[in-house]
């Protein structure tokens, strides 16, 4: 646990995917010490615990996969990437694994099934670092989220098919496949029913509701595994997909406790699995495995991206970048650990090499894409500008004026207003509107939200601003700012900073605007002009820094000041 959390903290400080630190940490600890050896520490319980941990991770992946959120071109590209990518990648990897690694046909097919998986735990951090265009961000994020559960199901099915291949013909394979899926689906039905009763009927609080989800997923997965090995993975995936997409359930977009649990589970799982890989097991596999990875990176992924993006309206650079982003992640490691060991115990030739090959594949793909993604994205011209993009909530005249000023300064503000009249005014000002009829919906749907860097709550309703600040902070990682309440404190604590120096409340701003005060931009000479109030500072690279009650930006020559000028009465 210390290695897992320490590696994740270090990765966050270095702004790299946690895998880059977790895998060497676990491998080094397992190779250099006799203490970090989960197979000795846990014995026969290690593989079942790995299976249950993967079930929790896959449930979380399925929970986050709401197909209704996929919009625009991504709705066409994502299914194609999965439909084309899974069989093509599996076929190439299986065909190459046999001669390169000396595996039997069954072990080679299992390796191919394992190496199709990417996953959001790897793709997400890379994309946050690269900052690609909005539609690229959405396409690759949703592909990673979808391929995790698909890969888990595929791995479980192939595992049973390989074991059954020595026991019967095609009829036996089909029977094993249907049996696995049937048991997993039955478990998912029971799991969804239990969660519906606990979450919808008992009306549990967030903490107890999270505990119920964890207990239900672990329980259903364990029971399904008892009935049939690894049917629990199918049950967990299907349960998460159902809970995430059925309107009966109201699962928040941000689940801090469950997310913390999943992140900790991922870290411990990676350290534990990589600690079981010995240097001796990699000795004869290093060059063949790297050859397999090179084929997947240079040939297979570009081919999949080319086929999946034909006539989709994506630019040549966007299509090329999709072909250069397919790192392997946690599900590949976990399924390799679980299925490889059980196939080896079943006498499948070369199955003992599945985990070392998957380990090398994860390390190599994460290193390749992690080191090259940024320069490749810049070379292809598919990165987002570094300029800030605030979401401004409000539709009063001075808010519209402020948004137009920011747009003139080179920023791209995104607008949302509670009333239809205000939304009409925003449209007439040619300002971009966020989707959704409610703020929570606007925060959680549509590609337009992908590039938002801050949320500014500027309505004349103090209680609305406070409630929205709490809602937004619970659904997004971006900083939240709101106006100072005009009638005292409305909540003892809010996860947001208060905008502007006192007493610039909404009534004060509206009154000054009504008497002739206007919002303008001025180049900075290091000082704020007299008789004006500093609202924002825009750095030369386009970063927007709000003035708050606790902190006034320090203007430097070359910056742009956004100021509220004096009213006509003050001028006279």
Protein backbone atom coordinates (compact mmCIF):
# COMPACT_ATOMS: atom_id res chain seq x y z
CA UNK A 1 0.00 0.00 0.00
CA UNK A 2 2.85 2.38 0.80
CA UNK A 3 4.50 1.64 -2.55
CA UNK A 4 1.17 2.10 -4.37
CA UNK A 5 0.25 5.42 -2.79
CA UNK A 6 3.82 6.72 -2.85
CA UNK A 7 4.11 5.91 -6.56
CA UNK A 8 0.82 7.64 -7.34
CA UNK A 9 1.84 10.75 -5.38
CA UNK A 10 5.19 10.88 -7.20
CA UNK A 11 3.46 10.41 -10.56
CA UNK A 12 1.08 13.29 -9.81
CA UNK A 13 4.02 15.57 -9.03
CA UNK A 14 5.87 14.53 -12.18
CA UNK A 15 2.67 14.80 -14.30
CA UNK A 16 3.09 11.31 -15.72
CA UNK A 17 0.71 8.31 -15.70
CA UNK A 18 0.97 6.43 -12.40
CA UNK A 19 1.76 3.22 -14.29
CA UNK A 20 5.18 4.57 -15.20
CA UNK A 21 6.06 4.61 -11.49
CA UNK A 22 3.91 1.71 -10.20
CA UNK A 23 5.26 -1.02 -12.45
CA UNK A 24 8.99 -0.41 -11.79
CA UNK A 25 8.26 0.05 -8.07
CA UNK A 26 6.51 -3.30 -7.80
CA UNK A 27 8.97 -5.10 -10.05
CA UNK A 28 11.97 -3.68 -8.17
CA UNK A 29 10.48 -4.47 -4.77
CA UNK A 30 9.73 -8.03 -5.81
CA UNK A 31 13.17 -8.54 -7.36
CA UNK A 32 15.28 -6.91 -4.64
CA UNK A 33 13.47 -8.07 -1.50
CA UNK A 34 11.76 -11.17 -0.19
CA UNK A 35 9.13 -9.12 1.64
CA UNK A 36 6.99 -7.90 -1.27
CA UNK A 37 5.87 -11.25 -2.62
CA UNK A 38 2.07 -11.51 -2.70
CA UNK A 39 2.12 -15.18 -3.66
CA UNK A 40 4.06 -16.02 -0.48
CA UNK A 41 2.14 -13.55 1.66
CA UNK A 42 -1.33 -14.56 0.48
CA UNK A 43 -0.77 -17.99 -1.02
CA UNK A 44 -3.80 -19.45 -2.74
CA UNK A 45 -5.87 -16.36 -1.85
CA UNK A 46 -3.85 -14.07 -4.16
CA UNK A 47 -5.54 -14.90 -7.47
CA UNK A 48 -9.11 -14.79 -6.05
CA UNK A 49 -8.33 -11.41 -4.47
CA UNK A 50 -6.97 -10.17 -7.80
CA UNK A 51 -10.17 -11.32 -9.49
CA UNK A 52 -12.38 -9.53 -6.96
CA UNK A 53 -10.27 -6.36 -7.19
CA UNK A 54 -10.61 -6.38 -10.99
CA UNK A 55 -14.36 -6.86 -10.58
CA UNK A 56 -14.55 -3.65 -8.51
CA UNK A 57 -12.47 -1.76 -11.10
CA UNK A 58 -14.59 -3.02 -14.00
CA UNK A 59 -17.80 -2.16 -12.16
CA UNK A 60 -16.49 1.39 -11.78
CA UNK A 61 -15.55 1.49 -15.48
CA UNK A 62 -19.02 0.32 -16.49
CA UNK A 63 -20.60 2.82 -14.10
CA UNK A 64 -18.82 5.69 -15.84
CA UNK A 65 -19.84 4.52 -19.31
CA UNK A 66 -23.02 6.46 -20.13
CA UNK A 67 -23.51 6.14 -23.86
CA UNK A 68 -25.95 9.05 -23.94
CA UNK A 69 -23.06 11.42 -23.23
CA UNK A 70 -21.21 10.52 -26.42
CA UNK A 71 -22.00 13.23 -28.94
CA UNK A 72 -21.08 14.30 -32.47
CA UNK A 73 -18.47 12.47 -34.50
CA UNK A 74 -17.27 10.51 -31.46
CA UNK A 75 -20.58 8.63 -31.53
CA UNK A 76 -19.55 7.16 -34.89
CA UNK A 77 -15.83 6.72 -34.27
CA UNK A 78 -15.88 5.07 -30.83
CA UNK A 79 -17.97 2.01 -31.83
CA UNK A 80 -15.82 1.56 -34.92
CA UNK A 81 -12.61 1.66 -32.89
CA UNK A 82 -13.96 -1.10 -30.67
CA UNK A 83 -15.67 -3.18 -33.39
CA UNK A 84 -12.66 -3.04 -35.70
CA UNK A 85 -9.94 -2.72 -33.09
CA UNK A 86 -10.73 -5.69 -30.86
CA UNK A 87 -10.73 -8.47 -33.52
CA UNK A 88 -7.88 -6.98 -35.59
CA UNK A 89 -5.61 -6.42 -32.59
CA UNK A 90 -6.43 -9.82 -31.13
CA UNK A 91 -5.80 -11.59 -34.44
CA UNK A 92 -2.45 -9.88 -35.12
CA UNK A 93 -1.22 -10.36 -31.56
CA UNK A 94 -2.24 -14.02 -31.51
CA UNK A 95 -0.62 -14.78 -34.88
CA UNK A 96 2.62 -13.05 -33.87
CA UNK A 97 2.77 -14.41 -30.32
CA UNK A 98 3.02 -18.02 -31.48
CA UNK A 99 6.24 -17.86 -33.53
CA UNK A 100 7.84 -14.95 -31.64
CA UNK A 101 7.29 -16.30 -28.13
CA UNK A 102 7.03 -20.02 -28.79
CA UNK A 103 3.50 -20.24 -27.35
CA UNK A 104 0.87 -22.82 -28.07
CA UNK A 105 -2.19 -21.74 -30.03
CA UNK A 106 -4.29 -21.46 -26.88
CA UNK A 107 -1.76 -19.31 -25.01
CA UNK A 108 -1.22 -17.13 -28.11
CA UNK A 109 -4.98 -16.48 -28.45
CA UNK A 110 -5.20 -15.65 -24.74
CA UNK A 111 -2.29 -13.22 -25.12
CA UNK A 112 -4.02 -11.58 -28.07
CA UNK A 113 -7.25 -11.18 -26.08
CA UNK A 114 -5.37 -9.61 -23.16
CA UNK A 115 -3.46 -7.11 -25.32
CA UNK A 116 -6.59 -5.56 -26.86
CA UNK A 117 -7.33 -3.70 -23.61
CA UNK A 118 -6.33 -0.08 -23.13
CA UNK A 119 -8.34 1.58 -20.35
CA UNK A 120 -9.14 5.03 -18.90
CA UNK A 121 -6.68 4.65 -16.00
CA UNK A 122 -3.85 5.06 -18.53
CA UNK A 123 -5.41 7.05 -21.36
CA UNK A 124 -6.95 9.70 -19.08
CA UNK A 125 -3.71 10.95 -17.49
CA UNK A 126 -1.97 10.97 -20.87
CA UNK A 127 -4.73 13.03 -22.47
CA UNK A 128 -4.75 15.53 -19.59
CA UNK A 129 -1.04 15.98 -20.19
CA UNK A 130 -1.34 16.22 -24.00
CA UNK A 131 -4.48 18.44 -24.09
CA UNK A 132 -5.74 17.33 -27.54
CA UNK A 133 -8.73 18.87 -29.29
CA UNK A 134 -12.15 18.36 -27.71
CA UNK A 135 -13.38 15.68 -30.10
CA UNK A 136 -10.09 13.77 -29.86
CA UNK A 137 -10.32 13.96 -26.07
CA UNK A 138 -13.85 12.59 -26.11
CA UNK A 139 -13.16 9.89 -28.69
CA UNK A 140 -10.09 8.45 -26.98
CA UNK A 141 -11.55 8.76 -23.47
CA UNK A 142 -14.70 6.88 -24.43
CA UNK A 143 -12.77 4.25 -26.35
CA UNK A 144 -10.70 3.59 -23.23
CA UNK A 145 -13.80 3.45 -21.02
CA UNK A 146 -15.61 1.08 -23.38
CA UNK A 147 -12.72 -1.23 -24.19
CA UNK A 148 -12.07 -1.98 -20.49
CA UNK A 149 -15.31 -3.92 -19.94
CA UNK A 150 -15.24 -5.34 -23.48
CA UNK A 151 -11.70 -6.60 -22.87
CA UNK A 152 -12.70 -8.08 -19.53
CA UNK A 153 -15.58 -10.01 -21.06
CA UNK A 154 -13.44 -11.11 -24.01
CA UNK A 155 -10.67 -12.30 -21.69
CA UNK A 156 -13.07 -14.35 -19.59
CA UNK A 157 -14.71 -15.90 -22.65
CA UNK A 158 -11.40 -16.75 -24.36
CA UNK A 159 -10.08 -18.19 -21.11
CA UNK A 160 -12.96 -20.63 -20.86
CA UNK A 161 -12.77 -21.39 -24.59
CA UNK A 162 -9.07 -22.26 -24.35
CA UNK A 163 -9.69 -24.54 -21.39
CA UNK A 164 -12.65 -26.14 -23.15
CA UNK A 165 -10.72 -26.65 -26.41
CA UNK A 166 -8.99 -29.66 -24.91
CA UNK A 167 -12.29 -31.10 -23.76
CA UNK A 168 -14.48 -30.96 -26.86
CA UNK A 169 -15.19 -29.51 -30.29
CA UNK A 170 -16.93 -26.34 -31.50
CA UNK A 171 -20.13 -27.33 -29.74
CA UNK A 172 -18.32 -27.49 -26.42
CA UNK A 173 -16.72 -24.06 -27.05
CA UNK A 174 -20.09 -22.49 -27.79
CA UNK A 175 -21.58 -24.13 -24.74
CA UNK A 176 -18.78 -22.84 -22.50
CA UNK A 177 -19.20 -19.36 -23.94
CA UNK A 178 -22.95 -19.28 -23.39
CA UNK A 179 -22.56 -20.74 -19.91
CA UNK A 180 -20.08 -18.04 -18.84
CA UNK A 181 -22.14 -15.19 -20.24
CA UNK A 182 -25.36 -16.66 -18.85
CA UNK A 183 -24.03 -16.99 -15.30
CA UNK A 184 -22.51 -13.51 -15.45
CA UNK A 185 -25.74 -12.00 -16.77
CA UNK A 186 -27.80 -13.76 -14.09
CA UNK A 187 -25.45 -12.41 -11.44
CA UNK A 188 -25.78 -8.93 -12.92
CA UNK A 189 -29.58 -9.12 -12.74
CA UNK A 190 -29.39 -10.01 -9.06
CA UNK A 191 -26.80 -7.27 -8.43
CA UNK A 192 -28.88 -4.61 -10.15
CA UNK A 193 -31.96 -5.67 -8.19
CA UNK A 194 -30.09 -5.46 -4.88
CA UNK A 195 -28.64 -2.06 -5.74
CA UNK A 196 -32.03 -0.79 -6.88
CA UNK A 197 -33.56 -1.77 -3.54
CA UNK A 198 -30.71 -0.30 -1.48
CA UNK A 199 -30.06 2.89 -3.45
CA UNK A 200 -33.54 3.75 -4.72
CA UNK A 201 -35.90 2.39 -2.07
CA UNK A 202 -33.91 2.63 1.17
CA UNK A 203 -32.59 6.11 0.27
CA UNK A 204 -29.17 5.56 1.87
CA UNK A 205 -26.72 8.41 2.32
CA UNK A 206 -23.65 8.73 0.09
CA UNK A 207 -21.22 6.95 2.41
CA UNK A 208 -23.48 3.98 3.11
CA UNK A 209 -24.57 3.88 -0.52
CA UNK A 210 -20.93 3.56 -1.59
CA UNK A 211 -20.36 0.77 0.95
CA UNK A 212 -23.43 -1.05 -0.39
CA UNK A 213 -22.13 -0.84 -3.96
CA UNK A 214 -18.77 -2.26 -2.90
CA UNK A 215 -20.35 -5.10 -0.91
CA UNK A 216 -22.80 -5.92 -3.68
CA UNK A 217 -20.16 -6.04 -6.42
CA UNK A 218 -17.75 -8.15 -4.36
CA UNK A 219 -20.57 -10.48 -3.25
CA UNK A 220 -22.07 -11.00 -6.71
CA UNK A 221 -18.63 -11.46 -8.32
CA UNK A 222 -17.59 -13.96 -5.65
CA UNK A 223 -20.79 -16.02 -5.97
CA UNK A 224 -20.50 -16.09 -9.78
CA UNK A 225 -16.85 -17.16 -9.50
CA UNK A 226 -17.89 -19.99 -7.18
CA UNK A 227 -20.41 -21.19 -9.75
CA UNK A 228 -17.97 -20.74 -12.66
CA UNK A 229 -14.44 -19.38 -12.60
CA UNK A 230 -14.23 -15.71 -13.60
CA UNK A 231 -17.90 -15.34 -14.46
CA UNK A 232 -17.74 -12.69 -11.73
CA UNK A 233 -15.94 -10.31 -14.08
CA UNK A 234 -18.83 -10.47 -16.54
CA UNK A 235 -21.33 -9.93 -13.73
CA UNK A 236 -19.44 -6.89 -12.41
CA UNK A 237 -19.14 -5.27 -15.82
CA UNK A 238 -22.80 -5.77 -16.70
CA UNK A 239 -23.90 -4.52 -13.28
CA UNK A 240 -21.90 -1.31 -13.70
CA UNK A 241 -23.22 -0.74 -17.22
CA UNK A 242 -26.81 -1.22 -16.05
CA UNK A 243 -26.51 1.06 -13.02
CA UNK A 244 -24.73 3.72 -15.06
CA UNK A 245 -27.29 3.77 -17.90
CA UNK A 246 -30.68 3.00 -16.32
CA UNK A 247 -32.61 6.16 -15.49
CA UNK A 248 -33.88 4.56 -12.30
CA UNK A 249 -30.48 5.11 -10.69
CA UNK A 250 -29.14 8.57 -9.90
CA UNK A 251 -25.41 7.97 -9.51
CA UNK A 252 -23.41 11.23 -9.21
CA UNK A 253 -20.67 11.87 -11.76
CA UNK A 254 -18.15 12.31 -8.95
CA UNK A 255 -17.99 9.64 -6.23
CA UNK A 256 -14.99 10.68 -4.11
CA UNK A 257 -14.99 7.74 -1.69
CA UNK A 258 -15.48 5.10 -4.38
CA UNK A 259 -12.95 6.81 -6.66
CA UNK A 260 -10.42 6.80 -3.81
CA UNK A 261 -11.07 3.12 -3.20
CA UNK A 262 -10.67 2.27 -6.90
CA UNK A 263 -7.47 4.32 -7.22
CA UNK A 264 -5.99 2.60 -4.17
CA UNK A 265 -7.05 -0.80 -5.51
CA UNK A 266 -5.42 -0.08 -8.87
CA UNK A 267 -2.17 0.96 -7.21
CA UNK A 268 -1.97 -2.04 -4.90
CA UNK A 269 -2.93 -4.38 -7.73
CA UNK A 270 -0.22 -3.08 -10.07
CA UNK A 271 2.46 -3.25 -7.40
CA UNK A 272 1.39 -6.76 -6.40
CA UNK A 273 1.16 -8.12 -9.94
CA UNK A 274 4.44 -6.59 -11.09
CA UNK A 275 6.14 -7.96 -7.94
CA UNK A 276 5.30 -11.48 -9.12
CA UNK A 277 7.25 -10.94 -12.37
CA UNK A 278 10.81 -12.14 -11.83
CA UNK A 279 13.85 -10.97 -13.80
CA UNK A 280 14.45 -14.60 -14.81
CA UNK A 281 11.01 -14.80 -16.46
CA UNK A 282 11.84 -11.78 -18.64
CA UNK A 283 15.31 -12.92 -19.70
CA UNK A 284 14.39 -14.81 -22.86
CA UNK A 285 11.23 -12.84 -23.60
CA UNK A 286 12.51 -9.27 -23.75
CA UNK A 287 13.36 -8.98 -27.45
CA UNK A 288 10.45 -11.10 -28.77
CA UNK A 289 7.97 -9.21 -26.59
CA UNK A 290 9.33 -5.87 -27.74
CA UNK A 291 9.00 -7.08 -31.33
CA UNK A 292 5.34 -7.90 -30.66
CA UNK A 293 4.79 -4.46 -29.11
CA UNK A 294 6.49 -2.76 -32.06
CA UNK A 295 4.11 -4.50 -34.47
CA UNK A 296 1.09 -3.45 -32.39
CA UNK A 297 2.25 0.17 -32.15
CA UNK A 298 3.57 0.73 -35.68
CA UNK A 299 1.26 -1.47 -37.77
CA UNK A 300 -1.87 -2.66 -35.96
CA UNK A 301 -3.05 0.49 -34.17
CA UNK A 302 -2.56 2.79 -37.22
CA UNK A 303 -4.46 0.24 -39.34
CA UNK A 304 -7.34 0.14 -36.85
CA UNK A 305 -7.48 3.93 -36.66
CA UNK A 306 -7.44 4.24 -40.46
CA UNK A 307 -10.34 1.82 -40.90
CA UNK A 308 -12.36 3.22 -37.99
CA UNK A 309 -12.11 6.88 -39.04
CA UNK A 310 -12.88 6.62 -42.76
CA UNK A 311 -15.52 9.22 -43.73
CA UNK A 312 -16.01 10.45 -40.17
CA UNK A 313 -15.11 14.10 -40.76
CA UNK A 314 -11.97 13.96 -38.62
CA UNK A 315 -8.91 15.78 -39.92
CA UNK A 316 -5.85 13.92 -41.12
CA UNK A 317 -3.97 14.97 -37.98
CA UNK A 318 -6.75 13.74 -35.70
CA UNK A 319 -6.90 10.39 -37.47
CA UNK A 320 -3.14 10.03 -37.21
CA UNK A 321 -3.13 10.84 -33.49
CA UNK A 322 -5.83 8.24 -32.83
CA UNK A 323 -3.47 5.79 -34.50
CA UNK A 324 -0.77 6.80 -32.03
CA UNK A 325 -2.60 6.31 -28.74
CA UNK A 326 -3.28 2.81 -27.37
CA UNK A 327 -1.41 2.19 -24.08
CA UNK A 328 -2.22 -0.97 -22.13
CA UNK A 329 -3.43 -0.75 -18.54
CA UNK A 330 -4.72 -2.38 -15.39
CA UNK A 331 -7.19 -4.85 -16.92
CA UNK A 332 -4.46 -6.29 -19.16
CA UNK A 333 -2.22 -6.83 -16.13
CA UNK A 334 -4.95 -8.29 -13.93
CA UNK A 335 -6.40 -10.63 -16.54
CA UNK A 336 -2.89 -11.79 -17.50
CA UNK A 337 -2.14 -12.56 -13.86
CA UNK A 338 -5.40 -14.43 -13.31
CA UNK A 339 -5.84 -16.26 -16.61
CA UNK A 340 -2.15 -16.95 -17.24
CA UNK A 341 -1.67 -18.75 -13.95
CA UNK A 342 -4.83 -20.83 -14.35
CA UNK A 343 -4.02 -21.79 -17.95
CA UNK A 344 -0.52 -22.80 -16.88
CA UNK A 345 -2.03 -24.96 -14.14
CA UNK A 346 -4.28 -26.49 -16.81
CA UNK A 347 -1.27 -27.57 -18.87
CA UNK A 348 -1.59 -25.03 -21.72
CA UNK A 349 1.84 -24.66 -23.35
CA UNK A 350 3.46 -21.24 -22.96
CA UNK A 351 0.77 -19.95 -20.58
CA UNK A 352 3.38 -19.17 -17.92
CA UNK A 353 4.76 -16.52 -20.28
CA UNK A 354 1.47 -14.61 -20.60
CA UNK A 355 2.02 -12.42 -17.53
CA UNK A 356 5.65 -11.47 -18.32
CA UNK A 357 4.66 -10.63 -21.91
CA UNK A 358 1.72 -8.51 -20.73
CA UNK A 359 4.00 -6.79 -18.21
CA UNK A 360 6.51 -5.89 -20.92
CA UNK A 361 3.69 -4.81 -23.21
CA UNK A 362 2.28 -2.44 -20.59
CA UNK A 363 5.68 -0.96 -19.74
CA UNK A 364 6.65 -0.53 -23.39
CA UNK A 365 3.38 1.00 -24.62
CA UNK A 366 3.07 3.38 -21.66
CA UNK A 367 6.69 4.48 -22.15
CA UNK A 368 6.33 4.90 -25.92
CA UNK A 369 3.08 6.84 -25.84
CA UNK A 370 3.93 8.71 -22.65
CA UNK A 371 7.20 10.02 -24.06
CA UNK A 372 5.99 10.76 -27.59
CA UNK A 373 2.33 11.80 -27.25
CA UNK A 374 3.02 15.50 -26.62
CA UNK A 375 5.51 16.08 -29.46
CA UNK A 376 3.42 13.97 -31.86
CA UNK A 377 0.25 15.92 -30.98
CA UNK A 378 2.05 19.23 -31.52
CA UNK A 379 3.56 18.02 -34.79
CA UNK A 380 0.13 16.92 -36.03
CA UNK A 381 -1.47 20.18 -34.87
CA UNK A 382 -4.16 18.57 -32.71
CA UNK A 383 -3.49 20.19 -29.33
CA UNK A 384 -5.86 22.66 -27.72
CA UNK A 385 -4.63 26.21 -27.25
CA UNK A 386 -3.24 26.87 -23.79
CA UNK A 387 -5.72 29.72 -23.42
CA UNK A 388 -8.23 29.58 -20.58
CA UNK A 389 -11.85 28.79 -21.33
CA UNK A 390 -14.18 29.85 -18.50
CA UNK A 391 -17.76 28.66 -18.09
CA UNK A 392 -19.68 31.81 -17.12
CA UNK A 393 -23.03 31.27 -15.42
CA UNK A 394 -25.32 34.29 -15.70
CA UNK A 395 -27.00 36.43 -18.32
CA UNK A 396 -27.21 39.99 -16.97
CA UNK A 397 -26.03 42.81 -19.25
CA UNK A 398 -22.73 43.29 -17.40
CA UNK A 399 -22.06 39.52 -17.58
CA UNK A 400 -22.65 39.55 -21.34
CA UNK A 401 -20.38 42.59 -21.60
CA UNK A 402 -17.67 40.77 -19.62
CA UNK A 403 -17.93 37.69 -21.83
CA UNK A 404 -17.62 39.80 -24.98
CA UNK A 405 -14.56 41.55 -23.55
CA UNK A 406 -12.92 38.20 -22.76
CA UNK A 407 -13.72 36.98 -26.26
CA UNK A 408 -12.18 40.10 -27.76
CA UNK A 409 -9.07 39.40 -25.68
CA UNK A 410 -8.71 36.03 -27.41
CA UNK A 411 -10.48 33.72 -24.95
CA UNK A 412 -13.47 31.49 -25.73
CA UNK A 413 -15.93 31.80 -22.84
CA UNK A 414 -18.72 29.25 -22.59
CA UNK A 415 -22.04 30.60 -21.27
CA UNK A 416 -24.97 29.22 -19.31
CA UNK A 417 -27.97 31.08 -17.90
CA UNK A 418 -30.93 29.92 -15.80
CA UNK A 419 -33.67 31.79 -17.68
CA UNK A 420 -34.79 31.44 -21.26
CA UNK A 421 -34.73 35.23 -21.73
CA UNK A 422 -31.09 35.42 -20.67
CA UNK A 423 -30.17 32.52 -22.92
CA UNK A 424 -31.78 34.37 -25.82
CA UNK A 425 -29.72 37.46 -24.99
CA UNK A 426 -26.55 35.35 -24.95
CA UNK A 427 -27.40 33.87 -28.34
CA UNK A 428 -28.02 37.33 -29.78
CA UNK A 429 -24.54 38.33 -28.55
CA UNK A 430 -23.14 35.36 -30.54
CA UNK A 431 -21.77 33.77 -27.37
CA UNK A 432 -21.42 29.99 -27.14
CA UNK A 433 -24.00 28.31 -24.90
CA UNK A 434 -23.39 25.20 -22.82
CA UNK A 435 -25.92 22.37 -23.37
CA UNK A 436 -28.49 21.20 -20.89
CA UNK A 437 -31.57 22.55 -19.19
CA UNK A 438 -29.99 22.49 -15.72
CA UNK A 439 -26.52 23.46 -14.57
CA UNK A 440 -25.71 19.94 -13.37
CA UNK A 441 -26.59 18.66 -16.83
CA UNK A 442 -24.47 21.34 -18.47
CA UNK A 443 -21.52 20.35 -16.31
CA UNK A 444 -21.73 16.67 -17.10
CA UNK A 445 -22.62 16.38 -20.79
CA UNK A 446 -21.32 17.33 -24.20
CA UNK A 447 -17.91 17.81 -25.75
CA UNK A 448 -18.18 21.54 -25.08
CA UNK A 449 -17.29 20.94 -21.42
CA UNK A 450 -14.04 19.16 -22.13
CA UNK A 451 -11.89 22.29 -22.34
CA UNK A 452 -13.42 24.33 -19.50
CA UNK A 453 -10.71 25.66 -17.18
CA UNK A 454 -12.81 27.53 -14.58
CA UNK A 455 -16.44 28.09 -13.60
CA UNK A 456 -17.61 31.64 -12.81
CA UNK A 457 -20.98 31.86 -11.03
CA UNK A 458 -22.29 35.36 -11.75
CA UNK A 459 -26.08 35.26 -11.24
CA UNK A 460 -28.03 37.63 -8.97
CA UNK A 461 -29.24 34.72 -6.79
CA UNK A 462 -26.84 34.12 -3.90
CA UNK A 463 -28.43 30.81 -2.96
CA UNK A 464 -28.32 29.60 -6.56
CA UNK A 465 -24.62 30.48 -6.77
CA UNK A 466 -23.91 28.63 -3.52
CA UNK A 467 -25.84 25.53 -4.56
CA UNK A 468 -24.26 25.58 -8.01
CA UNK A 469 -20.78 25.90 -6.47
CA UNK A 470 -21.40 22.77 -4.42
CA UNK A 471 -22.85 20.91 -7.41
CA UNK A 472 -20.05 21.87 -9.79
CA UNK A 473 -17.29 21.10 -7.29
CA UNK A 474 -18.79 17.64 -6.83
CA UNK A 475 -18.77 16.90 -10.56
CA UNK A 476 -15.64 18.55 -11.86
CA UNK A 477 -12.00 19.20 -10.99
CA UNK A 478 -11.96 22.74 -12.40
CA UNK A 479 -11.76 25.69 -9.95
CA UNK A 480 -15.05 27.39 -9.06
CA UNK A 481 -15.57 31.10 -8.34
CA UNK A 482 -18.73 32.92 -7.24
CA UNK A 483 -19.79 36.47 -6.43
CA UNK A 484 -19.74 37.72 -2.85
CA UNK A 485 -23.22 37.28 -1.30
CA UNK A 486 -25.13 40.55 -1.21
CA UNK A 487 -26.92 39.74 2.05
CA UNK A 488 -24.32 38.10 4.25
CA UNK A 489 -23.08 34.53 4.33
CA UNK A 490 -25.44 31.96 2.82
CA UNK A 491 -23.42 28.87 3.77
CA UNK A 492 -20.70 28.24 6.35
CA UNK A 493 -18.41 26.63 3.80
CA UNK A 494 -18.34 26.56 0.03
CA UNK A 495 -15.82 24.80 -2.23
CA UNK A 496 -15.28 28.00 -4.20
CA UNK A 497 -13.40 31.29 -4.08
CA UNK A 498 -15.18 34.65 -3.88
CA UNK A 499 -14.68 36.91 -6.90
CA UNK A 500 -13.51 40.50 -6.89
CA UNK A 501 -12.57 42.86 -4.10
CA UNK A 502 -15.33 43.86 -1.71
CA UNK A 503 -17.91 45.37 -2.13
CA UNK A 504 -18.34 44.21 -5.75
CA UNK A 505 -21.47 42.14 -5.17
CA UNK A 506 -23.96 41.54 -7.96
CA UNK A 507 -26.17 44.52 -6.98
CA UNK A 508 -23.11 46.78 -6.83
CA UNK A 509 -21.86 45.62 -10.24
CA UNK A 510 -25.33 45.98 -11.81
CA UNK A 511 -25.77 49.45 -10.31
CA UNK A 512 -22.41 50.71 -11.55
CA UNK A 513 -23.05 49.23 -14.99
CA UNK A 514 -26.45 50.96 -15.09
CA UNK A 515 -24.82 54.31 -14.30
CA UNK A 516 -22.34 54.03 -17.15
CA UNK A 517 -19.43 51.96 -15.82
CA UNK A 518 -18.03 49.62 -18.45
CA UNK A 519 -15.73 46.62 -18.49
CA UNK A 520 -12.66 47.10 -20.67
CA UNK A 521 -9.22 45.64 -21.26
CA UNK A 522 -5.98 47.58 -20.93
CA UNK A 523 -2.37 46.58 -21.46
CA UNK A 524 -0.54 46.36 -18.17
CA UNK A 525 2.41 48.52 -17.23
CA UNK A 526 2.69 46.82 -13.85
CA UNK A 527 0.01 48.94 -12.13
CA UNK A 528 -3.79 48.98 -11.96
CA UNK A 529 -5.15 52.25 -13.43
CA UNK A 530 -6.61 54.63 -10.83
CA UNK A 531 -10.39 54.78 -10.27
CA UNK A 532 -10.83 51.28 -11.73
CA UNK A 533 -11.40 47.87 -10.20
CA UNK A 534 -9.32 44.92 -11.38
CA UNK A 535 -11.57 41.98 -12.28
CA UNK A 536 -9.22 39.63 -14.13
CA UNK A 537 -5.67 39.36 -15.36
CA UNK A 538 -4.90 37.72 -18.71
CA UNK A 539 -1.34 36.46 -19.12
CA UNK A 540 0.36 36.65 -22.53
CA UNK A 541 -0.19 32.90 -23.11
CA UNK A 542 -3.94 33.34 -22.48
CA UNK A 543 -4.25 32.24 -18.84
CA UNK A 544 -7.15 33.95 -17.06
CA UNK A 545 -6.47 34.83 -13.40
CA UNK A 546 -9.50 36.11 -11.46
CA UNK A 547 -9.20 38.75 -8.75
CA UNK A 548 -10.67 37.37 -5.52
CA UNK A 549 -11.38 38.75 -2.06
CA UNK A 550 -8.35 36.83 -0.77
CA UNK A 551 -5.92 37.41 -3.60
CA UNK A 552 -5.35 40.18 -6.14
CA UNK A 553 -3.26 39.23 -9.17
CA UNK A 554 0.10 40.94 -9.51
CA UNK A 555 0.12 42.70 -12.91
CA UNK A 556 3.31 42.50 -14.93
CA UNK A 557 4.28 44.33 -18.12
CA UNK A 558 2.84 42.38 -21.05
CA UNK A 559 -0.26 41.24 -19.18
CA UNK A 560 -3.79 42.34 -20.10
CA UNK A 561 -5.97 43.88 -17.40
CA UNK A 562 -9.75 43.37 -17.37
CA UNK A 563 -11.08 46.29 -15.33
CA UNK A 564 -14.37 47.90 -14.36
CA UNK A 565 -14.14 51.59 -15.08
CA UNK A 566 -15.72 54.42 -13.09
CA UNK A 567 -19.40 55.23 -13.53
CA UNK A 568 -20.53 58.49 -15.11
CA UNK A 569 -21.55 59.82 -11.69
CA UNK A 570 -18.09 59.11 -10.27
CA UNK A 571 -16.49 60.79 -13.29
CA UNK A 572 -18.54 63.93 -12.78
